[in-house]
Amino acid sequence: MYIPKINQVDDWEEIERFVKSVRAADLVTVNPDGLPIATLMPMVWIDADPSQDNYGKVIMHMARGNEQWRSIQPGTQGLAILHGAQAYISPSNYSNKQTDHKVVPTWNYQSVHLSGTVEVSEDVELLRQIVTDLTSLHESRREDPWLASESDPHYFELQLKGIVAVILHVTKLQKEIE
């Protein structure tokens, strides 16, 4: 992602706040035919420690019916794109529109790109933990949060068979606010 220096964000706490607030990412990989493929998935970012040059992992899950996971081989590189607020900015918003007319429209947005190696796992215990963690994260703001443990155990196990774990081991991070 091209980031003009004026728009680059290096404050780790701000980046962390942004990622935690977004809670979903488009995971982009390339299939064997060389075509990009992407899936939007709820996610949680864990184990990041910038003081140790460790950008952590993005934990997600994907439906078994989704062809993307089958194309992920060991060593596959991926890009998780997290989108924040965005809006069109009209030249009419600038005061110099009436004086020097040196204005053009623009698009303001927030975005974080997390890149790294993608891993797929069919481990049921890992999937159970991912679903439980994602549910806890997304239910945490509710007055009466639902817990994964409240689901019928047989039904829950059947649902786990329909997904695979997807983990992005993050090696590069870019954040822009324009």
Protein backbone atom coordinates (compact mmCIF):
# COMPACT_ATOMS: atom_id res chain seq x y z
CA MET A 1 0.00 0.00 0.00
CA TYR A 2 1.35 3.42 -0.91
CA ILE A 3 1.29 5.68 2.14
CA PRO A 4 2.30 9.34 1.86
CA LYS A 5 4.51 10.17 4.84
CA ILE A 6 1.99 12.72 6.16
CA ASN A 7 -0.63 9.94 6.45
CA GLN A 8 1.54 7.20 7.94
CA VAL A 9 0.71 6.13 11.49
CA ASP A 10 3.49 4.68 13.65
CA ASP A 11 1.88 4.96 17.10
CA TRP A 12 1.50 1.34 18.21
CA GLU A 13 -1.36 2.06 20.64
CA GLU A 14 -3.34 3.82 17.91
CA ILE A 15 -2.77 0.93 15.50
CA GLU A 16 -3.81 -1.60 18.14
CA ARG A 17 -6.96 0.38 19.00
CA PHE A 18 -7.90 0.59 15.34
CA VAL A 19 -7.44 -3.15 14.68
CA LYS A 20 -9.40 -4.09 17.80
CA SER A 21 -12.23 -1.78 16.77
CA VAL A 22 -12.52 -3.11 13.22
CA ARG A 23 -12.83 -6.82 14.13
CA ALA A 24 -12.99 -8.13 10.54
CA ALA A 25 -10.56 -8.33 7.63
CA ASP A 26 -10.44 -9.23 3.96
CA LEU A 27 -7.87 -12.02 3.65
CA VAL A 28 -6.26 -11.93 0.20
CA THR A 29 -4.21 -14.82 -1.17
CA VAL A 30 -3.37 -16.01 -4.68
CA ASN A 31 -4.85 -19.27 -6.01
CA PRO A 32 -2.82 -21.80 -8.08
CA ASP A 33 -3.96 -20.10 -11.31
CA GLY A 34 -2.30 -16.88 -10.14
CA LEU A 35 -5.60 -15.12 -9.47
CA PRO A 36 -6.17 -13.19 -6.24
CA ILE A 37 -8.94 -14.49 -4.02
CA ALA A 38 -10.35 -12.76 -0.93
CA THR A 39 -12.73 -13.53 1.90
CA LEU A 40 -14.06 -11.16 4.57
CA MET A 41 -13.84 -12.84 7.97
CA PRO A 42 -14.26 -11.86 11.61
CA MET A 43 -10.85 -11.90 13.23
CA VAL A 44 -8.87 -11.37 16.37
CA TRP A 45 -5.25 -10.16 16.45
CA ILE A 46 -3.14 -11.78 19.18
CA ASP A 47 0.41 -12.08 20.53
CA ALA A 48 1.76 -8.86 18.99
CA ASP A 49 4.78 -7.32 20.73
CA PRO A 50 6.39 -4.57 18.65
CA SER A 51 9.25 -4.20 21.14
CA GLN A 52 10.32 -7.69 20.03
CA ASP A 53 9.62 -7.05 16.31
CA ASN A 54 6.71 -9.48 16.63
CA TYR A 55 3.51 -8.48 14.85
CA GLY A 56 1.53 -11.45 16.18
CA LYS A 57 -1.15 -13.50 14.46
CA VAL A 58 -4.55 -12.82 12.96
CA ILE A 59 -6.90 -15.66 13.90
CA MET A 60 -9.93 -16.38 11.69
CA HIS A 61 -12.07 -19.24 10.44
CA MET A 62 -13.49 -19.98 7.01
CA ALA A 63 -16.27 -22.19 5.68
CA ARG A 64 -15.07 -25.51 4.27
CA GLY A 65 -17.13 -24.72 1.17
CA ASN A 66 -14.93 -21.69 0.45
CA GLU A 67 -12.36 -22.60 -2.24
CA GLN A 68 -9.78 -20.14 -0.87
CA TRP A 69 -8.58 -22.31 2.01
CA ARG A 70 -7.90 -25.26 -0.29
CA SER A 71 -5.50 -23.14 -2.35
CA ILE A 72 -3.40 -22.18 0.70
CA GLN A 73 -0.22 -24.25 0.71
CA PRO A 74 2.62 -24.13 3.28
CA GLY A 75 4.44 -20.83 2.83
CA THR A 76 1.52 -19.07 1.12
CA GLN A 77 1.71 -15.32 1.64
CA GLY A 78 -1.43 -13.41 2.57
CA LEU A 79 -2.66 -9.90 3.15
CA ALA A 80 -5.34 -9.00 5.70
CA ILE A 81 -6.97 -5.66 4.87
CA LEU A 82 -8.81 -3.94 7.69
CA HIS A 83 -11.06 -1.09 6.62
CA GLY A 84 -12.08 1.77 8.86
CA ALA A 85 -14.11 4.88 8.24
CA GLN A 86 -14.06 6.27 4.72
CA ALA A 87 -15.76 9.10 2.87
CA TYR A 88 -15.73 11.18 -0.29
CA ILE A 89 -14.47 14.74 0.30
CA SER A 90 -15.88 17.32 -2.08
CA PRO A 91 -13.81 20.30 -3.29
CA SER A 92 -16.73 22.38 -2.02
CA ASN A 93 -15.44 21.75 1.51
CA TYR A 94 -12.33 23.84 0.93
CA SER A 95 -12.37 27.60 1.38
CA ASN A 96 -9.93 28.22 -1.48
CA LYS A 97 -12.50 26.79 -3.91
CA GLN A 98 -13.77 30.33 -4.43
CA THR A 99 -10.38 32.03 -4.56
CA ASP A 100 -7.71 30.08 -6.42
CA HIS A 101 -9.72 27.04 -7.50
CA LYS A 102 -6.76 24.76 -6.69
CA VAL A 103 -8.94 22.02 -5.31
CA VAL A 104 -9.88 18.50 -6.34
CA PRO A 105 -12.04 15.83 -4.75
CA THR A 106 -10.38 13.24 -2.55
CA TRP A 107 -11.23 10.14 -0.57
CA ASN A 108 -10.42 9.98 3.13
CA TYR A 109 -10.05 6.57 4.72
CA GLN A 110 -8.47 4.47 7.44
CA SER A 111 -6.82 1.19 6.60
CA VAL A 112 -4.42 -1.31 8.12
CA HIS A 113 -2.63 -3.94 6.04
CA LEU A 114 -1.22 -6.98 7.85
CA SER A 115 0.95 -9.24 5.69
CA GLY A 116 2.55 -12.58 6.39
CA THR A 117 2.39 -16.33 5.99
CA VAL A 118 -1.00 -18.04 6.04
CA GLU A 119 -1.61 -21.33 7.83
CA VAL A 120 -4.71 -23.50 7.61
CA SER A 121 -5.65 -26.00 10.28
CA GLU A 122 -8.45 -28.52 10.66
CA ASP A 123 -7.63 -29.12 14.34
CA VAL A 124 -10.99 -29.29 16.15
CA GLU A 125 -9.64 -28.03 19.49
CA LEU A 126 -8.06 -25.00 17.78
CA LEU A 127 -11.34 -24.33 15.95
CA ARG A 128 -13.30 -24.58 19.20
CA GLN A 129 -10.94 -22.04 20.80
CA ILE A 130 -11.14 -19.68 17.81
CA VAL A 131 -14.94 -19.75 17.73
CA THR A 132 -15.11 -19.28 21.50
CA ASP A 133 -12.63 -16.36 21.42
CA LEU A 134 -14.32 -14.65 18.47
CA THR A 135 -17.73 -15.07 20.07
CA SER A 136 -16.49 -13.63 23.36
CA LEU A 137 -14.90 -10.68 21.55
CA HIS A 138 -17.96 -9.84 19.50
CA GLU A 139 -20.45 -10.42 22.32
CA SER A 140 -18.42 -8.44 24.89
CA ARG A 141 -20.23 -5.16 24.24
CA ARG A 142 -23.68 -6.65 24.75
CA GLU A 143 -25.50 -6.21 28.05
CA ASP A 144 -26.18 -9.94 28.26
CA PRO A 145 -23.43 -11.57 26.16
CA TRP A 146 -24.10 -14.97 24.65
CA LEU A 147 -21.45 -17.63 25.35
CA ALA A 148 -20.42 -20.39 22.97
CA SER A 149 -20.92 -22.81 25.86
CA GLU A 150 -24.67 -21.99 25.74
CA SER A 151 -25.00 -23.70 22.35
CA ASP A 152 -26.29 -27.24 22.13
CA PRO A 153 -23.04 -29.29 22.34
CA HIS A 154 -23.97 -31.67 19.50
CA TYR A 155 -25.00 -28.79 17.22
CA PHE A 156 -21.81 -26.87 18.10
CA GLU A 157 -19.63 -29.87 17.18
CA LEU A 158 -21.46 -30.25 13.85
CA GLN A 159 -20.86 -26.58 13.08
CA LEU A 160 -17.13 -26.94 13.82
CA LYS A 161 -16.94 -29.63 11.12
CA GLY A 162 -18.05 -27.01 8.58
CA ILE A 163 -15.10 -24.64 9.10
CA VAL A 164 -11.30 -24.53 9.03
CA ALA A 165 -8.92 -22.35 11.04
CA VAL A 166 -7.00 -19.68 9.15
CA ILE A 167 -4.03 -18.03 10.84
CA LEU A 168 -2.01 -15.17 9.37
CA HIS A 169 1.46 -14.98 10.95
CA VAL A 170 2.04 -11.24 10.58
CA THR A 171 5.49 -10.12 9.40
CA LYS A 172 4.61 -6.64 8.09
CA LEU A 173 2.18 -3.95 9.20
CA GLN A 174 1.11 -0.74 7.44
CA LYS A 175 -1.43 1.83 8.67
CA GLU A 176 -2.72 4.88 6.93
CA ILE A 177 -5.18 7.57 7.84
CA GLU A 178 -5.88 10.09 5.14
